[in-house]
Every structure is written in C-alpha cells, then in structure tokens.
C-alpha cells in the first residue's frame, strides 16, 4: 500500500514531483492533521493541476476526484484503518468515515487555493448532521419493520400452511436455494415458493429477527433437498427450520 497514493496521483495528474520538489516528505509520509494535509497536497500537486482544480466549482472539483486523488488519500493514508494521527485528528472532531475525511481534505484544499475560509467547523457540522439524520431515518425504518413483523407474527397460528419466497438455481444434480430478501426489498422475483407448516412461534431477545416461525418443510418445488447458505444439508423436506419474519418473505398458502 505504501505506493498507492503516489500511483493514483500519477494516474490522475500525469506526473509526480521529484524528491527535490518535496524535500520534507518521504515517499510513505502521511500527514498528521488537516493543515499538514493541505501543505502536503500543495507541495505534491503540479501548478497546472492545482490551477485546474482551483478554477472549477468546489462541488464539481471535489466530486470529480472522489475516486481518484480521494481514493489515494483514503487508501494511501490508511484512513480505513483509522489508527494513525490524521485519523485520530478527524475522529476527535466527530468525523469517522474515510469518505468524509477525504472530502473535507479536498474541499479545504480547494478553498485554500481560492483564498477562502476553510470553514472546518461548518464542514464538520454538515457531516454530523447528515449521519444523525441518517441514523434516525434508519432507526425509524427498522422500528416500522419490527412493528410489521410483530403484526405478521401475531396473525400466524400453529398449523398454518405457508409459503416462503426463494430463488432456485440448478447446477447439475445440485439445487441451490437463495432467499428473496425482505429488507431492504430489492424487488427480487421468486421462481420457487418453498412450502411448509407452522409448528412453533418464537420471540427472540434481539433487535432484528426477534419474531421467528418454526416451519416444517413439506415441499421444495418438487425437490427433496436444496443447498442453502452454502450447506449441502441446508434445507430438506420433512425437516423443521426457524425463519425470521424480518429476513424472509413468508405468506399463508
């Protein structure tokens, strides 16, 4: 990984300065904080490319480099590991995702080139607000899914005949079964409804998948067994299995 950042800069900008151009930086140098990162980029980037970057609209300039120099920053500076000084610098300010770190670095560099205030506090506030909102939306969605699963759970009775949505793939003599995902709904279309009978209902002590039906399998679309979750003995007719109402699309048949 030590040459990743230099290689990506070479790919994006066409050249990398020689050692004489950046006397203070070793090949494997990783900046310690935002100020250091800006100084490093200012040293490493050719003047023509800094001018091109500077003259673009901020959002366009930063977005265009997300998978170029941005990826070089995230990978070459070990932001994914999150253990070095620059990672700790951002984490101390409430920024933990490497994508956010690299975007703040490039945004700040663009503003510095244009003699604009970096506005680090406002950048940090933006990302904190984004993740807080995303967390609340996720929790609300999860709560709605849990409530729906409870309603479904309460509606099922012992000895109910049910069908479970699956996708079946035949490979030679083997039959592979893949569940149709319930959440998030990917609009997958089943080509097999595995049928069975509810023989038990369980409430698990966990946030996700707490409402579970124990189902005795009676039919696997004409097959006696199917490989499921990589296990050859994954599903067999006349065997009982637990199915979470948060994970499987189950309906009465």
C-alpha atoms as a PDB file:
ATOM      1  CA  UNK A   1       0.000   0.000   0.000  1.00  0.00           C
ATOM      2  CA  UNK A   2       2.909   2.385   0.505  1.00  0.00           C
ATOM      3  CA  UNK A   3       2.985   3.465  -3.156  1.00  0.00           C
ATOM      4  CA  UNK A   4      -0.804   3.621  -3.631  1.00  0.00           C
ATOM      5  CA  UNK A   5      -1.184   7.364  -3.135  1.00  0.00           C
ATOM      6  CA  UNK A   6       1.717   8.232  -5.440  1.00  0.00           C
ATOM      7  CA  UNK A   7       0.468   5.849  -8.131  1.00  0.00           C
ATOM      8  CA  UNK A   8      -3.055   7.288  -8.075  1.00  0.00           C
ATOM      9  CA  UNK A   9      -1.733  10.854  -8.194  1.00  0.00           C
ATOM     10  CA  UNK A  10       0.353   9.843 -11.200  1.00  0.00           C
ATOM     11  CA  UNK A  11      -2.708   8.350 -12.882  1.00  0.00           C
ATOM     12  CA  UNK A  12      -4.905  11.373 -12.203  1.00  0.00           C
ATOM     13  CA  UNK A  13      -2.463  14.211 -12.787  1.00  0.00           C
ATOM     14  CA  UNK A  14       0.064  12.680 -15.148  1.00  0.00           C
ATOM     15  CA  UNK A  15       3.132  13.468 -13.051  1.00  0.00           C
ATOM     16  CA  UNK A  16       4.534  13.372  -9.554  1.00  0.00           C
ATOM     17  CA  UNK A  17       7.133  15.812  -8.261  1.00  0.00           C
ATOM     18  CA  UNK A  18      10.658  14.588  -7.741  1.00  0.00           C
ATOM     19  CA  UNK A  19      12.232  14.309  -4.294  1.00  0.00           C
ATOM     20  CA  UNK A  20      13.822  17.748  -4.801  1.00  0.00           C
ATOM     21  CA  UNK A  21      10.385  19.316  -5.145  1.00  0.00           C
ATOM     22  CA  UNK A  22       9.247  17.944  -1.772  1.00  0.00           C
ATOM     23  CA  UNK A  23      12.347  17.716   0.338  1.00  0.00           C
ATOM     24  CA  UNK A  24      10.450  17.469   3.608  1.00  0.00           C
ATOM     25  CA  UNK A  25       8.310  14.475   2.627  1.00  0.00           C
ATOM     26  CA  UNK A  26       9.298  10.837   2.448  1.00  0.00           C
ATOM     27  CA  UNK A  27       7.586   8.558  -0.055  1.00  0.00           C
ATOM     28  CA  UNK A  28       5.496   6.958   2.688  1.00  0.00           C
ATOM     29  CA  UNK A  29       4.713  10.202   4.501  1.00  0.00           C
ATOM     30  CA  UNK A  30       1.214  10.527   5.966  1.00  0.00           C
ATOM     31  CA  UNK A  31       0.034  13.972   7.129  1.00  0.00           C
ATOM     32  CA  UNK A  32      -0.803  14.408  10.796  1.00  0.00           C
ATOM     33  CA  UNK A  33      -3.787  16.768  10.554  1.00  0.00           C
ATOM     34  CA  UNK A  34      -5.763  18.902   8.107  1.00  0.00           C
ATOM     35  CA  UNK A  35      -3.237  21.742   7.990  1.00  0.00           C
ATOM     36  CA  UNK A  36      -0.445  19.273   7.299  1.00  0.00           C
ATOM     37  CA  UNK A  37      -2.539  17.550   4.604  1.00  0.00           C
ATOM     38  CA  UNK A  38      -3.148  20.837   2.786  1.00  0.00           C
ATOM     39  CA  UNK A  39       0.553  21.687   2.859  1.00  0.00           C
ATOM     40  CA  UNK A  40       1.412  18.215   1.578  1.00  0.00           C
ATOM     41  CA  UNK A  41      -1.027  18.428  -1.346  1.00  0.00           C
ATOM     42  CA  UNK A  42       0.162  21.926  -2.170  1.00  0.00           C
ATOM     43  CA  UNK A  43       3.692  20.544  -2.445  1.00  0.00           C
ATOM     44  CA  UNK A  44       2.819  17.381  -4.369  1.00  0.00           C
ATOM     45  CA  UNK A  45       0.444  18.716  -6.999  1.00  0.00           C
ATOM     46  CA  UNK A  46       1.848  20.339 -10.159  1.00  0.00           C
ATOM     47  CA  UNK A  47       0.931  24.014 -10.562  1.00  0.00           C
ATOM     48  CA  UNK A  48      -1.085  23.356 -13.730  1.00  0.00           C
ATOM     49  CA  UNK A  49      -3.257  20.789 -11.975  1.00  0.00           C
ATOM     50  CA  UNK A  50      -3.717  22.976  -8.923  1.00  0.00           C
ATOM     51  CA  UNK A  51      -4.903  25.744 -11.238  1.00  0.00           C
ATOM     52  CA  UNK A  52      -7.331  23.401 -12.995  1.00  0.00           C
ATOM     53  CA  UNK A  53      -8.664  22.149  -9.650  1.00  0.00           C
ATOM     54  CA  UNK A  54      -8.881  25.688  -8.267  1.00  0.00           C
ATOM     55  CA  UNK A  55     -10.847  27.087 -11.215  1.00  0.00           C
ATOM     56  CA  UNK A  56     -13.639  24.514 -11.051  1.00  0.00           C
ATOM     57  CA  UNK A  57     -16.725  24.906  -8.901  1.00  0.00           C
ATOM     58  CA  UNK A  58     -15.993  23.495  -5.461  1.00  0.00           C
ATOM     59  CA  UNK A  59     -18.552  20.679  -5.518  1.00  0.00           C
ATOM     60  CA  UNK A  60     -17.588  19.641  -9.067  1.00  0.00           C
ATOM     61  CA  UNK A  61     -13.861  19.758  -8.334  1.00  0.00           C
ATOM     62  CA  UNK A  62     -14.137  17.638  -5.192  1.00  0.00           C
ATOM     63  CA  UNK A  63     -16.665  15.159  -6.609  1.00  0.00           C
ATOM     64  CA  UNK A  64     -14.564  14.515  -9.726  1.00  0.00           C
ATOM     65  CA  UNK A  65     -11.601  13.479  -7.559  1.00  0.00           C
ATOM     66  CA  UNK A  66     -13.533  11.243  -5.152  1.00  0.00           C
ATOM     67  CA  UNK A  67     -12.363   8.054  -6.896  1.00  0.00           C
ATOM     68  CA  UNK A  68      -9.000   9.477  -7.969  1.00  0.00           C
ATOM     69  CA  UNK A  69      -6.989  11.527  -5.516  1.00  0.00           C
ATOM     70  CA  UNK A  70      -9.737  10.969  -2.945  1.00  0.00           C
ATOM     71  CA  UNK A  71      -9.230   7.218  -3.099  1.00  0.00           C
ATOM     72  CA  UNK A  72      -5.477   7.764  -2.937  1.00  0.00           C
ATOM     73  CA  UNK A  73      -5.937   9.730   0.280  1.00  0.00           C
ATOM     74  CA  UNK A  74      -8.246   7.132   1.829  1.00  0.00           C
ATOM     75  CA  UNK A  75      -6.067   4.159   0.934  1.00  0.00           C
ATOM     76  CA  UNK A  76      -2.576   5.658   0.873  1.00  0.00           C
ATOM     77  CA  UNK A  77      -3.057   7.441   4.172  1.00  0.00           C
ATOM     78  CA  UNK A  78      -4.602   4.369   5.841  1.00  0.00           C
ATOM     79  CA  UNK A  79      -7.829   6.165   6.717  1.00  0.00           C
ATOM     80  CA  UNK A  80      -9.746   2.873   6.621  1.00  0.00           C
ATOM     81  CA  UNK A  81      -7.591   1.506   9.434  1.00  0.00           C
ATOM     82  CA  UNK A  82      -8.336   4.594  11.496  1.00  0.00           C
ATOM     83  CA  UNK A  83      -5.328   4.315  13.778  1.00  0.00           C
ATOM     84  CA  UNK A  84      -2.843   6.979  12.652  1.00  0.00           C
ATOM     85  CA  UNK A  85      -2.601  10.650  13.613  1.00  0.00           C
ATOM     86  CA  UNK A  86      -4.717  12.101  10.837  1.00  0.00           C
ATOM     87  CA  UNK A  87      -7.485   9.569  11.508  1.00  0.00           C
ATOM     88  CA  UNK A  88      -7.395  10.427  15.200  1.00  0.00           C
ATOM     89  CA  UNK A  89      -7.454  14.132  14.302  1.00  0.00           C
ATOM     90  CA  UNK A  90     -10.744  13.728  12.454  1.00  0.00           C
ATOM     91  CA  UNK A  91     -12.247  11.286  14.948  1.00  0.00           C
ATOM     92  CA  UNK A  92     -11.552  13.738  17.769  1.00  0.00           C
ATOM     93  CA  UNK A  93     -13.826  16.141  15.894  1.00  0.00           C
ATOM     94  CA  UNK A  94     -16.589  13.589  15.365  1.00  0.00           C
ATOM     95  CA  UNK A  95     -15.699  12.547  11.804  1.00  0.00           C
ATOM     96  CA  UNK A  96     -15.181   8.796  11.498  1.00  0.00           C
ATOM     97  CA  UNK A  97     -15.917   7.790   7.881  1.00  0.00           C
ATOM     98  CA  UNK A  98     -12.905   7.872   5.493  1.00  0.00           C
ATOM     99  CA  UNK A  99     -15.100   9.221   2.663  1.00  0.00           C
ATOM    100  CA  UNK A 100     -15.956  12.232   4.813  1.00  0.00           C
ATOM    101  CA  UNK A 101     -12.318  12.724   5.807  1.00  0.00           C
ATOM    102  CA  UNK A 102     -11.033  12.737   2.225  1.00  0.00           C
ATOM    103  CA  UNK A 103     -13.842  15.045   1.098  1.00  0.00           C
ATOM    104  CA  UNK A 104     -13.068  17.532   3.876  1.00  0.00           C
ATOM    105  CA  UNK A 105      -9.385  17.442   2.919  1.00  0.00           C
ATOM    106  CA  UNK A 106     -10.065  18.106  -0.771  1.00  0.00           C
ATOM    107  CA  UNK A 107     -12.722  20.726  -0.015  1.00  0.00           C
ATOM    108  CA  UNK A 108     -10.378  22.517   2.368  1.00  0.00           C
ATOM    109  CA  UNK A 109      -7.545  22.396  -0.170  1.00  0.00           C
ATOM    110  CA  UNK A 110      -9.818  23.855  -2.856  1.00  0.00           C
ATOM    111  CA  UNK A 111     -10.828  26.686  -0.530  1.00  0.00           C
ATOM    112  CA  UNK A 112      -7.228  27.378   0.426  1.00  0.00           C
ATOM    113  CA  UNK A 113      -6.253  27.625  -3.253  1.00  0.00           C
ATOM    114  CA  UNK A 114      -9.084  30.125  -3.738  1.00  0.00           C
ATOM    115  CA  UNK A 115      -8.149  32.112  -0.623  1.00  0.00           C
ATOM    116  CA  UNK A 116     -11.472  31.275   1.013  1.00  0.00           C
ATOM    117  CA  UNK A 117     -12.048  30.408   4.685  1.00  0.00           C
ATOM    118  CA  UNK A 118     -11.775  26.653   5.158  1.00  0.00           C
ATOM    119  CA  UNK A 119     -14.770  26.627   7.493  1.00  0.00           C
ATOM    120  CA  UNK A 120     -13.807  23.354   9.148  1.00  0.00           C
ATOM    121  CA  UNK A 121     -16.421  23.714  11.873  1.00  0.00           C
ATOM    122  CA  UNK A 122     -19.229  24.122   9.339  1.00  0.00           C
ATOM    123  CA  UNK A 123     -17.963  21.147   7.321  1.00  0.00           C
ATOM    124  CA  UNK A 124     -17.911  19.014  10.453  1.00  0.00           C
ATOM    125  CA  UNK A 125     -21.403  20.196  11.414  1.00  0.00           C
ATOM    126  CA  UNK A 126     -22.681  19.185   7.963  1.00  0.00           C
ATOM    127  CA  UNK A 127     -21.402  15.606   8.220  1.00  0.00           C
ATOM    128  CA  UNK A 128     -22.508  15.188  11.828  1.00  0.00           C
ATOM    129  CA  UNK A 129     -25.982  16.369  10.880  1.00  0.00           C
ATOM    130  CA  UNK A 130     -26.012  14.055   7.853  1.00  0.00           C
ATOM    131  CA  UNK A 131     -25.186  10.957   9.904  1.00  0.00           C
ATOM    132  CA  UNK A 132     -27.537  11.899  12.743  1.00  0.00           C
ATOM    133  CA  UNK A 133     -30.382  12.259  10.254  1.00  0.00           C
ATOM    134  CA  UNK A 134     -29.426   9.004   8.513  1.00  0.00           C
ATOM    135  CA  UNK A 135     -29.332   7.208  11.878  1.00  0.00           C
ATOM    136  CA  UNK A 136     -32.774   8.498  12.862  1.00  0.00           C
ATOM    137  CA  UNK A 137     -34.221   7.501   9.491  1.00  0.00           C
ATOM    138  CA  UNK A 138     -32.661   4.040   9.779  1.00  0.00           C
ATOM    139  CA  UNK A 139     -33.985   3.556  13.315  1.00  0.00           C
ATOM    140  CA  UNK A 140     -37.457   4.710  12.263  1.00  0.00           C
ATOM    141  CA  UNK A 141     -37.434   2.362   9.278  1.00  0.00           C
ATOM    142  CA  UNK A 142     -36.214  -0.507  11.457  1.00  0.00           C
ATOM    143  CA  UNK A 143     -38.936   0.213  14.011  1.00  0.00           C
ATOM    144  CA  UNK A 144     -41.583   0.147  11.281  1.00  0.00           C
ATOM    145  CA  UNK A 145     -40.203  -3.163  10.007  1.00  0.00           C
ATOM    146  CA  UNK A 146     -40.239  -4.611  13.520  1.00  0.00           C
ATOM    147  CA  UNK A 147     -43.831  -3.498  14.085  1.00  0.00           C
ATOM    148  CA  UNK A 148     -44.893  -5.024  10.770  1.00  0.00           C
ATOM    149  CA  UNK A 149     -43.118  -8.286  11.648  1.00  0.00           C
ATOM    150  CA  UNK A 150     -44.916  -8.372  15.008  1.00  0.00           C
ATOM    151  CA  UNK A 151     -48.255  -7.862  13.282  1.00  0.00           C
ATOM    152  CA  UNK A 152     -47.471 -10.712  10.882  1.00  0.00           C
ATOM    153  CA  UNK A 153     -46.234 -12.862  13.773  1.00  0.00           C
ATOM    154  CA  UNK A 154     -49.455 -12.338  15.743  1.00  0.00           C
ATOM    155  CA  UNK A 155     -51.514 -13.240  12.684  1.00  0.00           C
ATOM    156  CA  UNK A 156     -49.905 -16.659  12.226  1.00  0.00           C
ATOM    157  CA  UNK A 157     -51.354 -19.659  14.044  1.00  0.00           C
ATOM    158  CA  UNK A 158     -49.926 -23.108  14.621  1.00  0.00           C
ATOM    159  CA  UNK A 159     -50.637 -25.499  11.735  1.00  0.00           C
ATOM    160  CA  UNK A 160     -50.994 -22.629   9.241  1.00  0.00           C
ATOM    161  CA  UNK A 161     -49.850 -23.605   5.765  1.00  0.00           C
ATOM    162  CA  UNK A 162     -47.280 -21.123   4.480  1.00  0.00           C
ATOM    163  CA  UNK A 163     -45.017 -20.459   1.524  1.00  0.00           C
ATOM    164  CA  UNK A 164     -41.593 -18.809   1.543  1.00  0.00           C
ATOM    165  CA  UNK A 165     -40.184 -16.890  -1.420  1.00  0.00           C
ATOM    166  CA  UNK A 166     -36.953 -18.327  -2.830  1.00  0.00           C
ATOM    167  CA  UNK A 167     -34.918 -18.340  -5.992  1.00  0.00           C
ATOM    168  CA  UNK A 168     -33.839 -21.807  -7.104  1.00  0.00           C
ATOM    169  CA  UNK A 169     -30.776 -22.473  -9.229  1.00  0.00           C
ATOM    170  CA  UNK A 170     -29.969 -25.947 -10.546  1.00  0.00           C
ATOM    171  CA  UNK A 171     -26.327 -26.883 -11.086  1.00  0.00           C
ATOM    172  CA  UNK A 172     -26.047 -30.447 -12.298  1.00  0.00           C
ATOM    173  CA  UNK A 173     -27.586 -32.679  -9.639  1.00  0.00           C
ATOM    174  CA  UNK A 174     -27.496 -29.929  -7.036  1.00  0.00           C
ATOM    175  CA  UNK A 175     -30.272 -27.479  -6.270  1.00  0.00           C
ATOM    176  CA  UNK A 176     -29.278 -24.164  -4.704  1.00  0.00           C
ATOM    177  CA  UNK A 177     -31.832 -22.113  -2.795  1.00  0.00           C
ATOM    178  CA  UNK A 178     -31.467 -18.369  -2.205  1.00  0.00           C
ATOM    179  CA  UNK A 179     -33.925 -16.439  -0.099  1.00  0.00           C
ATOM    180  CA  UNK A 180     -35.722 -13.464  -1.582  1.00  0.00           C
ATOM    181  CA  UNK A 181     -34.588 -10.658   0.686  1.00  0.00           C
ATOM    182  CA  UNK A 182     -37.318  -8.943   2.677  1.00  0.00           C
ATOM    183  CA  UNK A 183     -35.472  -5.876   3.988  1.00  0.00           C
ATOM    184  CA  UNK A 184     -34.369  -3.918   2.172  1.00  0.00           C
ATOM    185  CA  UNK A 185     -36.751  -5.002  -0.556  1.00  0.00           C
ATOM    186  CA  UNK A 186     -34.736  -5.395  -3.768  1.00  0.00           C
ATOM    187  CA  UNK A 187     -37.813  -6.215  -5.874  1.00  0.00           C
ATOM    188  CA  UNK A 188     -36.476  -9.705  -6.499  1.00  0.00           C
ATOM    189  CA  UNK A 189     -38.844 -12.137  -8.187  1.00  0.00           C
ATOM    190  CA  UNK A 190     -39.068 -15.663  -6.743  1.00  0.00           C
ATOM    191  CA  UNK A 191     -39.053 -18.680  -9.023  1.00  0.00           C
ATOM    192  CA  UNK A 192     -39.930 -21.045  -6.181  1.00  0.00           C
ATOM    193  CA  UNK A 193     -42.228 -20.983  -3.163  1.00  0.00           C
ATOM    194  CA  UNK A 194     -40.958 -23.401  -0.539  1.00  0.00           C
ATOM    195  CA  UNK A 195     -43.998 -24.697   1.325  1.00  0.00           C
ATOM    196  CA  UNK A 196     -44.462 -25.810   4.879  1.00  0.00           C
ATOM    197  CA  UNK A 197     -46.479 -25.786   8.094  1.00  0.00           C
ATOM    198  CA  UNK A 198     -46.032 -23.534  11.126  1.00  0.00           C
ATOM    199  CA  UNK A 199     -45.280 -25.767  14.113  1.00  0.00           C
ATOM    200  CA  UNK A 200     -43.964 -23.167  16.567  1.00  0.00           C
ATOM    201  CA  UNK A 201     -43.655 -19.408  17.141  1.00  0.00           C
ATOM    202  CA  UNK A 202     -40.701 -17.851  18.956  1.00  0.00           C
ATOM    203  CA  UNK A 203     -39.773 -14.403  20.224  1.00  0.00           C
ATOM    204  CA  UNK A 204     -36.009 -13.960  20.301  1.00  0.00           C
ATOM    205  CA  UNK A 205     -34.223 -11.481  22.566  1.00  0.00           C
ATOM    206  CA  UNK A 206     -32.596  -9.442  19.826  1.00  0.00           C
ATOM    207  CA  UNK A 207     -33.340  -6.242  17.920  1.00  0.00           C
ATOM    208  CA  UNK A 208     -33.507  -7.780  14.465  1.00  0.00           C
ATOM    209  CA  UNK A 209     -35.144 -11.075  13.670  1.00  0.00           C
ATOM    210  CA  UNK A 210     -36.902 -11.323  17.024  1.00  0.00           C
ATOM    211  CA  UNK A 211     -40.116 -12.736  15.514  1.00  0.00           C
ATOM    212  CA  UNK A 212     -39.476 -16.264  14.282  1.00  0.00           C
ATOM    213  CA  UNK A 213     -41.626 -19.028  12.839  1.00  0.00           C
ATOM    214  CA  UNK A 214     -40.558 -22.654  13.079  1.00  0.00           C
ATOM    215  CA  UNK A 215     -41.713 -24.249   9.845  1.00  0.00           C
ATOM    216  CA  UNK A 216     -41.838 -27.914   8.864  1.00  0.00           C
ATOM    217  CA  UNK A 217     -40.840 -28.005   5.187  1.00  0.00           C
ATOM    218  CA  UNK A 218     -43.233 -30.058   3.045  1.00  0.00           C
ATOM    219  CA  UNK A 219     -42.139 -29.132  -0.480  1.00  0.00           C
ATOM    220  CA  UNK A 220     -39.061 -27.551  -2.098  1.00  0.00           C
ATOM    221  CA  UNK A 221     -40.569 -27.055  -5.541  1.00  0.00           C
ATOM    222  CA  UNK A 222     -40.507 -30.777  -6.244  1.00  0.00           C
ATOM    223  CA  UNK A 223     -37.049 -31.360  -4.757  1.00  0.00           C
ATOM    224  CA  UNK A 224     -36.173 -33.385  -1.682  1.00  0.00           C
ATOM    225  CA  UNK A 225     -33.430 -31.005  -0.576  1.00  0.00           C
ATOM    226  CA  UNK A 226     -31.604 -27.826  -1.510  1.00  0.00           C
ATOM    227  CA  UNK A 227     -28.256 -26.295  -0.676  1.00  0.00           C
ATOM    228  CA  UNK A 228     -28.816 -23.162   1.407  1.00  0.00           C
ATOM    229  CA  UNK A 229     -26.273 -20.808   2.994  1.00  0.00           C
ATOM    230  CA  UNK A 230     -23.508 -22.902   1.456  1.00  0.00           C
ATOM    231  CA  UNK A 231     -24.554 -26.023   3.380  1.00  0.00           C
ATOM    232  CA  UNK A 232     -25.391 -29.128   1.339  1.00  0.00           C
ATOM    233  CA  UNK A 233     -27.841 -30.176   4.045  1.00  0.00           C
ATOM    234  CA  UNK A 234     -29.285 -26.662   4.107  1.00  0.00           C
ATOM    235  CA  UNK A 235     -32.963 -27.480   3.527  1.00  0.00           C
ATOM    236  CA  UNK A 236     -34.696 -30.853   3.428  1.00  0.00           C
ATOM    237  CA  UNK A 237     -38.300 -31.938   3.106  1.00  0.00           C
ATOM    238  CA  UNK A 238     -39.873 -33.113   6.401  1.00  0.00           C
ATOM    239  CA  UNK A 239     -37.327 -31.166   8.447  1.00  0.00           C
ATOM    240  CA  UNK A 240     -38.120 -28.109  10.588  1.00  0.00           C
ATOM    241  CA  UNK A 241     -36.284 -24.788  10.420  1.00  0.00           C
ATOM    242  CA  UNK A 242     -36.512 -21.351  12.006  1.00  0.00           C
ATOM    243  CA  UNK A 243     -37.368 -18.450   9.686  1.00  0.00           C
ATOM    244  CA  UNK A 244     -37.236 -14.839  10.824  1.00  0.00           C
ATOM    245  CA  UNK A 245     -40.074 -12.616   9.654  1.00  0.00           C
ATOM    246  CA  UNK A 246     -37.547  -9.785   9.324  1.00  0.00           C
ATOM    247  CA  UNK A 247     -35.462 -11.751   6.816  1.00  0.00           C
ATOM    248  CA  UNK A 248     -37.834 -13.965   4.841  1.00  0.00           C
ATOM    249  CA  UNK A 249     -40.890 -13.171   2.748  1.00  0.00           C
ATOM    250  CA  UNK A 250     -43.482 -15.558   4.165  1.00  0.00           C
ATOM    251  CA  UNK A 251     -47.205 -15.677   3.415  1.00  0.00           C
ATOM    252  CA  UNK A 252     -50.116 -18.013   4.007  1.00  0.00           C
ATOM    253  CA  UNK A 253     -50.867 -20.526   1.283  1.00  0.00           C
END
